[in-house]
PDB file of N, CA and C in Angstrom:
ATOM      1  N   MET A   1      -5.692 -62.866  62.671  1.00  0.00           N
ATOM      2  CA  MET A   1      -6.445 -62.664  61.506  1.00  0.00           C
ATOM      3  C   MET A   1      -7.834 -62.371  62.032  1.00  0.00           C
ATOM      4  N   SER A   2      -8.258 -61.257  61.767  1.00  0.00           N
ATOM      5  CA  SER A   2      -9.653 -60.720  62.037  1.00  0.00           C
ATOM      6  C   SER A   2     -10.683 -61.193  60.980  1.00  0.00           C
ATOM      7  N   ILE A   3     -11.883 -61.580  61.375  1.00  0.00           N
ATOM      8  CA  ILE A   3     -12.816 -62.070  60.431  1.00  0.00           C
ATOM      9  C   ILE A   3     -13.593 -60.914  59.835  1.00  0.00           C
ATOM     10  N   ILE A   4     -13.660 -59.697  60.391  1.00  0.00           N
ATOM     11  CA  ILE A   4     -14.334 -58.599  59.961  1.00  0.00           C
ATOM     12  C   ILE A   4     -13.820 -58.026  58.588  1.00  0.00           C
ATOM     13  N   PRO A   5     -12.585 -57.854  58.463  1.00  0.00           N
ATOM     14  CA  PRO A   5     -11.956 -57.529  57.126  1.00  0.00           C
ATOM     15  C   PRO A   5     -12.324 -58.522  56.037  1.00  0.00           C
ATOM     16  N   MET A   6     -12.200 -59.777  56.300  1.00  0.00           N
ATOM     17  CA  MET A   6     -12.586 -60.841  55.542  1.00  0.00           C
ATOM     18  C   MET A   6     -13.890 -60.866  54.952  1.00  0.00           C
ATOM     19  N   LEU A   7     -14.901 -60.692  55.889  1.00  0.00           N
ATOM     20  CA  LEU A   7     -16.319 -60.655  55.557  1.00  0.00           C
ATOM     21  C   LEU A   7     -16.624 -59.207  54.786  1.00  0.00           C
ATOM     22  N   ALA A   8     -15.896 -58.211  54.941  1.00  0.00           N
ATOM     23  CA  ALA A   8     -16.195 -57.071  54.306  1.00  0.00           C
ATOM     24  C   ALA A   8     -15.720 -57.192  52.708  1.00  0.00           C
ATOM     25  N   GLU A   9     -14.638 -57.907  52.601  1.00  0.00           N
ATOM     26  CA  GLU A   9     -14.052 -58.147  51.216  1.00  0.00           C
ATOM     27  C   GLU A   9     -15.108 -59.136  50.525  1.00  0.00           C
ATOM     28  N   ILE A  10     -15.518 -60.107  51.111  1.00  0.00           N
ATOM     29  CA  ILE A  10     -16.462 -61.036  50.416  1.00  0.00           C
ATOM     30  C   ILE A  10     -17.850 -60.299  50.190  1.00  0.00           C
ATOM     31  N   THR A  11     -18.209 -59.380  51.055  1.00  0.00           N
ATOM     32  CA  THR A  11     -19.461 -58.681  50.732  1.00  0.00           C
ATOM     33  C   THR A  11     -19.342 -57.851  49.555  1.00  0.00           C
ATOM     34  N   GLY A  12     -18.230 -57.170  49.331  1.00  0.00           N
ATOM     35  CA  GLY A  12     -17.991 -56.330  48.231  1.00  0.00           C
ATOM     36  C   GLY A  12     -17.853 -57.261  46.948  1.00  0.00           C
ATOM     37  N   ASN A  13     -17.293 -58.376  46.910  1.00  0.00           N
ATOM     38  CA  ASN A  13     -17.284 -59.185  45.863  1.00  0.00           C
ATOM     39  C   ASN A  13     -18.654 -59.778  45.357  1.00  0.00           C
ATOM     40  N   VAL A  14     -19.418 -60.152  46.396  1.00  0.00           N
ATOM     41  CA  VAL A  14     -20.792 -60.582  46.200  1.00  0.00           C
ATOM     42  C   VAL A  14     -21.649 -59.449  45.425  1.00  0.00           C
ATOM     43  N   HIS A  15     -21.415 -58.273  45.862  1.00  0.00           N
ATOM     44  CA  HIS A  15     -22.152 -56.985  45.319  1.00  0.00           C
ATOM     45  C   HIS A  15     -21.666 -56.883  43.908  1.00  0.00           C
ATOM     46  N   ILE A  16     -20.603 -57.084  43.544  1.00  0.00           N
ATOM     47  CA  ILE A  16     -20.100 -56.944  42.044  1.00  0.00           C
ATOM     48  C   ILE A  16     -20.547 -58.098  41.224  1.00  0.00           C
ATOM     49  N   ALA A  17     -20.601 -59.164  41.890  1.00  0.00           N
ATOM     50  CA  ALA A  17     -21.004 -60.448  41.052  1.00  0.00           C
ATOM     51  C   ALA A  17     -22.588 -60.257  40.870  1.00  0.00           C
ATOM     52  N   MET A  18     -23.314 -59.957  41.867  1.00  0.00           N
ATOM     53  CA  MET A  18     -24.760 -59.648  41.670  1.00  0.00           C
ATOM     54  C   MET A  18     -25.048 -58.622  40.657  1.00  0.00           C
ATOM     55  N   ALA A  19     -24.172 -57.450  40.620  1.00  0.00           N
ATOM     56  CA  ALA A  19     -24.406 -56.550  39.514  1.00  0.00           C
ATOM     57  C   ALA A  19     -24.054 -56.949  38.153  1.00  0.00           C
ATOM     58  N   ALA A  20     -23.141 -57.838  38.001  1.00  0.00           N
ATOM     59  CA  ALA A  20     -22.865 -58.469  36.720  1.00  0.00           C
ATOM     60  C   ALA A  20     -23.743 -59.451  36.329  1.00  0.00           C
ATOM     61  N   LEU A  21     -24.240 -60.134  37.217  1.00  0.00           N
ATOM     62  CA  LEU A  21     -25.466 -61.217  36.841  1.00  0.00           C
ATOM     63  C   LEU A  21     -26.686 -60.429  36.393  1.00  0.00           C
ATOM     64  N   GLY A  22     -27.034 -59.274  37.078  1.00  0.00           N
ATOM     65  CA  GLY A  22     -28.233 -58.638  36.694  1.00  0.00           C
ATOM     66  C   GLY A  22     -27.961 -57.766  35.405  1.00  0.00           C
ATOM     67  N   ALA A  23     -26.863 -57.318  35.098  1.00  0.00           N
ATOM     68  CA  ALA A  23     -26.557 -56.729  33.920  1.00  0.00           C
ATOM     69  C   ALA A  23     -26.529 -57.685  32.601  1.00  0.00           C
ATOM     70  N   GLY A  24     -26.050 -58.967  32.880  1.00  0.00           N
ATOM     71  CA  GLY A  24     -26.013 -60.045  31.896  1.00  0.00           C
ATOM     72  C   GLY A  24     -27.392 -60.473  31.682  1.00  0.00           C
ATOM     73  N   LEU A  25     -28.370 -60.638  32.599  1.00  0.00           N
ATOM     74  CA  LEU A  25     -29.719 -61.017  32.545  1.00  0.00           C
ATOM     75  C   LEU A  25     -30.516 -60.013  31.739  1.00  0.00           C
ATOM     76  N   GLY A  26     -30.250 -58.748  32.104  1.00  0.00           N
ATOM     77  CA  GLY A  26     -30.980 -57.597  31.530  1.00  0.00           C
ATOM     78  C   GLY A  26     -30.646 -57.628  30.091  1.00  0.00           C
ATOM     79  N   ILE A  27     -29.371 -57.735  29.602  1.00  0.00           N
ATOM     80  CA  ILE A  27     -29.109 -57.560  28.365  1.00  0.00           C
ATOM     81  C   ILE A  27     -29.753 -58.718  27.461  1.00  0.00           C
ATOM     82  N   GLY A  28     -29.595 -59.989  28.237  1.00  0.00           N
ATOM     83  CA  GLY A  28     -30.197 -61.061  27.423  1.00  0.00           C
ATOM     84  C   GLY A  28     -31.627 -60.970  27.199  1.00  0.00           C
ATOM     85  N   ILE A  29     -32.476 -60.471  28.133  1.00  0.00           N
ATOM     86  CA  ILE A  29     -33.747 -60.245  27.941  1.00  0.00           C
ATOM     87  C   ILE A  29     -34.153 -59.072  27.069  1.00  0.00           C
ATOM     88  N   LEU A  30     -33.270 -58.062  27.035  1.00  0.00           N
ATOM     89  CA  LEU A  30     -33.492 -56.886  25.948  1.00  0.00           C
ATOM     90  C   LEU A  30     -33.088 -57.445  24.590  1.00  0.00           C
ATOM     91  N   GLY A  31     -32.363 -58.259  24.384  1.00  0.00           N
ATOM     92  CA  GLY A  31     -31.980 -58.777  23.156  1.00  0.00           C
ATOM     93  C   GLY A  31     -33.124 -59.752  22.590  1.00  0.00           C
ATOM     94  N   SER A  32     -33.598 -60.620  23.499  1.00  0.00           N
ATOM     95  CA  SER A  32     -34.651 -61.311  23.268  1.00  0.00           C
ATOM     96  C   SER A  32     -35.970 -60.648  22.731  1.00  0.00           C
ATOM     97  N   LYS A  33     -36.254 -59.585  23.611  1.00  0.00           N
ATOM     98  CA  LYS A  33     -37.395 -58.759  23.199  1.00  0.00           C
ATOM     99  C   LYS A  33     -37.398 -57.860  22.032  1.00  0.00           C
ATOM    100  N   ALA A  34     -36.073 -57.421  21.797  1.00  0.00           N
ATOM    101  CA  ALA A  34     -35.795 -56.611  20.638  1.00  0.00           C
ATOM    102  C   ALA A  34     -36.027 -57.651  19.364  1.00  0.00           C
ATOM    103  N   ALA A  35     -35.557 -58.705  19.351  1.00  0.00           N
ATOM    104  CA  ALA A  35     -35.644 -59.653  18.220  1.00  0.00           C
ATOM    105  C   ALA A  35     -37.050 -60.062  18.053  1.00  0.00           C
ATOM    106  N   GLU A  36     -37.866 -60.231  19.186  1.00  0.00           N
ATOM    107  CA  GLU A  36     -39.268 -60.527  18.979  1.00  0.00           C
ATOM    108  C   GLU A  36     -39.963 -59.272  18.450  1.00  0.00           C
ATOM    109  N   ALA A  37     -39.593 -58.043  18.880  1.00  0.00           N
ATOM    110  CA  ALA A  37     -40.320 -56.975  18.399  1.00  0.00           C
ATOM    111  C   ALA A  37     -40.079 -56.716  16.804  1.00  0.00           C
ATOM    112  N   THR A  38     -38.762 -57.052  16.338  1.00  0.00           N
ATOM    113  CA  THR A  38     -38.414 -56.910  15.033  1.00  0.00           C
ATOM    114  C   THR A  38     -39.072 -57.839  14.273  1.00  0.00           C
ATOM    115  N   GLY A  39     -39.360 -58.978  14.741  1.00  0.00           N
ATOM    116  CA  GLY A  39     -40.027 -60.099  14.053  1.00  0.00           C
ATOM    117  C   GLY A  39     -41.513 -59.717  13.904  1.00  0.00           C
ATOM    118  N   ARG A  40     -42.109 -59.023  14.833  1.00  0.00           N
ATOM    119  CA  ARG A  40     -43.429 -58.626  14.564  1.00  0.00           C
ATOM    120  C   ARG A  40     -43.673 -57.435  13.762  1.00  0.00           C
ATOM    121  N   ASN A  41     -42.652 -56.548  13.720  1.00  0.00           N
ATOM    122  CA  ASN A  41     -42.723 -55.390  12.801  1.00  0.00           C
ATOM    123  C   ASN A  41     -41.432 -55.028  12.330  1.00  0.00           C
ATOM    124  N   PRO A  42     -41.137 -55.724  11.088  1.00  0.00           N
ATOM    125  CA  PRO A  42     -39.823 -55.453  10.636  1.00  0.00           C
ATOM    126  C   PRO A  42     -39.524 -54.057   9.967  1.00  0.00           C
ATOM    127  N   GLY A  43     -40.644 -53.309   9.714  1.00  0.00           N
ATOM    128  CA  GLY A  43     -40.387 -51.939   9.340  1.00  0.00           C
ATOM    129  C   GLY A  43     -39.821 -50.957  10.451  1.00  0.00           C
ATOM    130  N   ALA A  44     -39.993 -51.360  11.631  1.00  0.00           N
ATOM    131  CA  ALA A  44     -39.553 -50.651  12.738  1.00  0.00           C
ATOM    132  C   ALA A  44     -38.187 -51.133  13.354  1.00  0.00           C
ATOM    133  N   SER A  45     -37.442 -51.851  12.652  1.00  0.00           N
ATOM    134  CA  SER A  45     -36.099 -52.501  13.031  1.00  0.00           C
ATOM    135  C   SER A  45     -35.252 -51.368  13.543  1.00  0.00           C
ATOM    136  N   THR A  46     -35.045 -50.221  12.700  1.00  0.00           N
ATOM    137  CA  THR A  46     -34.028 -49.271  13.134  1.00  0.00           C
ATOM    138  C   THR A  46     -34.483 -48.546  14.424  1.00  0.00           C
ATOM    139  N   PRO A  47     -35.481 -48.138  14.734  1.00  0.00           N
ATOM    140  CA  PRO A  47     -35.791 -47.532  16.096  1.00  0.00           C
ATOM    141  C   PRO A  47     -35.650 -48.661  17.232  1.00  0.00           C
ATOM    142  N   ILE A  48     -36.034 -49.867  16.862  1.00  0.00           N
ATOM    143  CA  ILE A  48     -35.825 -50.880  17.983  1.00  0.00           C
ATOM    144  C   ILE A  48     -34.315 -51.323  18.236  1.00  0.00           C
ATOM    145  N   LEU A  49     -33.608 -51.131  17.247  1.00  0.00           N
ATOM    146  CA  LEU A  49     -32.077 -51.414  17.247  1.00  0.00           C
ATOM    147  C   LEU A  49     -31.551 -50.177  18.177  1.00  0.00           C
ATOM    148  N   VAL A  50     -31.914 -48.924  17.835  1.00  0.00           N
ATOM    149  CA  VAL A  50     -31.465 -47.753  18.624  1.00  0.00           C
ATOM    150  C   VAL A  50     -31.713 -47.951  20.021  1.00  0.00           C
ATOM    151  N   ASN A  51     -33.000 -48.221  20.302  1.00  0.00           N
ATOM    152  CA  ASN A  51     -33.373 -48.254  21.820  1.00  0.00           C
ATOM    153  C   ASN A  51     -32.739 -49.437  22.487  1.00  0.00           C
ATOM    154  N   ALA A  52     -32.643 -50.676  21.786  1.00  0.00           N
ATOM    155  CA  ALA A  52     -31.761 -51.686  22.247  1.00  0.00           C
ATOM    156  C   ALA A  52     -30.398 -51.350  22.643  1.00  0.00           C
ATOM    157  N   ILE A  53     -29.726 -50.594  21.725  1.00  0.00           N
ATOM    158  CA  ILE A  53     -28.334 -50.429  22.039  1.00  0.00           C
ATOM    159  C   ILE A  53     -28.265 -49.256  23.244  1.00  0.00           C
ATOM    160  N   ILE A  54     -29.044 -48.299  23.298  1.00  0.00           N
ATOM    161  CA  ILE A  54     -29.072 -47.448  24.427  1.00  0.00           C
ATOM    162  C   ILE A  54     -29.287 -48.087  25.659  1.00  0.00           C
ATOM    163  N   PHE A  55     -30.245 -48.991  25.742  1.00  0.00           N
ATOM    164  CA  PHE A  55     -30.623 -49.707  26.992  1.00  0.00           C
ATOM    165  C   PHE A  55     -29.462 -50.587  27.333  1.00  0.00           C
ATOM    166  N   ALA A  56     -28.915 -51.283  26.415  1.00  0.00           N
ATOM    167  CA  ALA A  56     -27.775 -52.240  26.798  1.00  0.00           C
ATOM    168  C   ALA A  56     -26.800 -51.409  27.372  1.00  0.00           C
ATOM    169  N   ALA A  57     -26.406 -50.196  26.759  1.00  0.00           N
ATOM    170  CA  ALA A  57     -25.222 -49.443  27.382  1.00  0.00           C
ATOM    171  C   ALA A  57     -25.563 -48.950  28.689  1.00  0.00           C
ATOM    172  N   LEU A  58     -26.819 -48.503  29.073  1.00  0.00           N
ATOM    173  CA  LEU A  58     -27.247 -48.248  30.454  1.00  0.00           C
ATOM    174  C   LEU A  58     -27.112 -49.518  31.424  1.00  0.00           C
ATOM    175  N   ALA A  59     -27.510 -50.575  30.932  1.00  0.00           N
ATOM    176  CA  ALA A  59     -27.380 -51.853  31.795  1.00  0.00           C
ATOM    177  C   ALA A  59     -25.882 -52.099  32.125  1.00  0.00           C
ATOM    178  N   GLU A  60     -25.075 -52.057  31.168  1.00  0.00           N
ATOM    179  CA  GLU A  60     -23.632 -52.099  31.412  1.00  0.00           C
ATOM    180  C   GLU A  60     -23.102 -51.150  32.237  1.00  0.00           C
ATOM    181  N   GLY A  61     -23.482 -49.807  31.962  1.00  0.00           N
ATOM    182  CA  GLY A  61     -23.173 -48.734  32.831  1.00  0.00           C
ATOM    183  C   GLY A  61     -23.230 -48.911  34.410  1.00  0.00           C
ATOM    184  N   VAL A  62     -24.457 -49.515  34.680  1.00  0.00           N
ATOM    185  CA  VAL A  62     -24.749 -49.958  35.966  1.00  0.00           C
ATOM    186  C   VAL A  62     -23.641 -50.706  36.693  1.00  0.00           C
ATOM    187  N   PHE A  63     -23.366 -51.791  35.904  1.00  0.00           N
ATOM    188  CA  PHE A  63     -22.276 -52.781  36.265  1.00  0.00           C
ATOM    189  C   PHE A  63     -20.943 -52.176  36.499  1.00  0.00           C
ATOM    190  N   ILE A  64     -20.580 -51.300  35.540  1.00  0.00           N
ATOM    191  CA  ILE A  64     -19.385 -50.598  35.548  1.00  0.00           C
ATOM    192  C   ILE A  64     -19.153 -49.634  36.721  1.00  0.00           C
ATOM    193  N   LEU A  65     -20.354 -48.989  37.067  1.00  0.00           N
ATOM    194  CA  LEU A  65     -20.359 -48.117  38.317  1.00  0.00           C
ATOM    195  C   LEU A  65     -20.273 -49.005  39.594  1.00  0.00           C
ATOM    196  N   SER A  66     -20.956 -50.029  39.608  1.00  0.00           N
ATOM    197  CA  SER A  66     -20.690 -50.773  40.780  1.00  0.00           C
ATOM    198  C   SER A  66     -19.553 -51.523  40.951  1.00  0.00           C
ATOM    199  N   ALA A  67     -18.854 -51.903  39.875  1.00  0.00           N
ATOM    200  CA  ALA A  67     -17.479 -52.425  40.018  1.00  0.00           C
ATOM    201  C   ALA A  67     -16.459 -51.568  40.369  1.00  0.00           C
ATOM    202  N   PHE A  68     -16.489 -50.314  40.076  1.00  0.00           N
ATOM    203  CA  PHE A  68     -15.388 -49.308  40.352  1.00  0.00           C
ATOM    204  C   PHE A  68     -15.761 -48.374  41.537  1.00  0.00           C
ATOM    205  N   ALA A  69     -16.942 -48.279  41.867  1.00  0.00           N
ATOM    206  CA  ALA A  69     -17.262 -47.410  43.042  1.00  0.00           C
ATOM    207  C   ALA A  69     -17.080 -48.071  44.190  1.00  0.00           C
ATOM    208  N   VAL A  70     -17.048 -49.450  44.379  1.00  0.00           N
ATOM    209  CA  VAL A  70     -16.821 -50.186  45.642  1.00  0.00           C
ATOM    210  C   VAL A  70     -15.287 -50.016  46.124  1.00  0.00           C
ATOM    211  N   LYS A  71     -14.481 -50.063  45.217  1.00  0.00           N
ATOM    212  CA  LYS A  71     -12.897 -50.034  45.617  1.00  0.00           C
ATOM    213  C   LYS A  71     -12.458 -48.499  46.013  1.00  0.00           C
TER     214      LYS A  71
END
């Protein structure tokens, strides 16, 4: 059993885990800041919500691309 294929598999898994961690942290910070912005200016809640949904989808898209592009 060679160590090189095993290290390559571990490297791929760490790459996907880091992408998932980054996407989760990004969406958490995004939700926190969107709630803060809505609290400061309730009249702008609709544009804030639209932007939050778009940016959350982009953050998830990065994870999806990294998860499926490696294999």
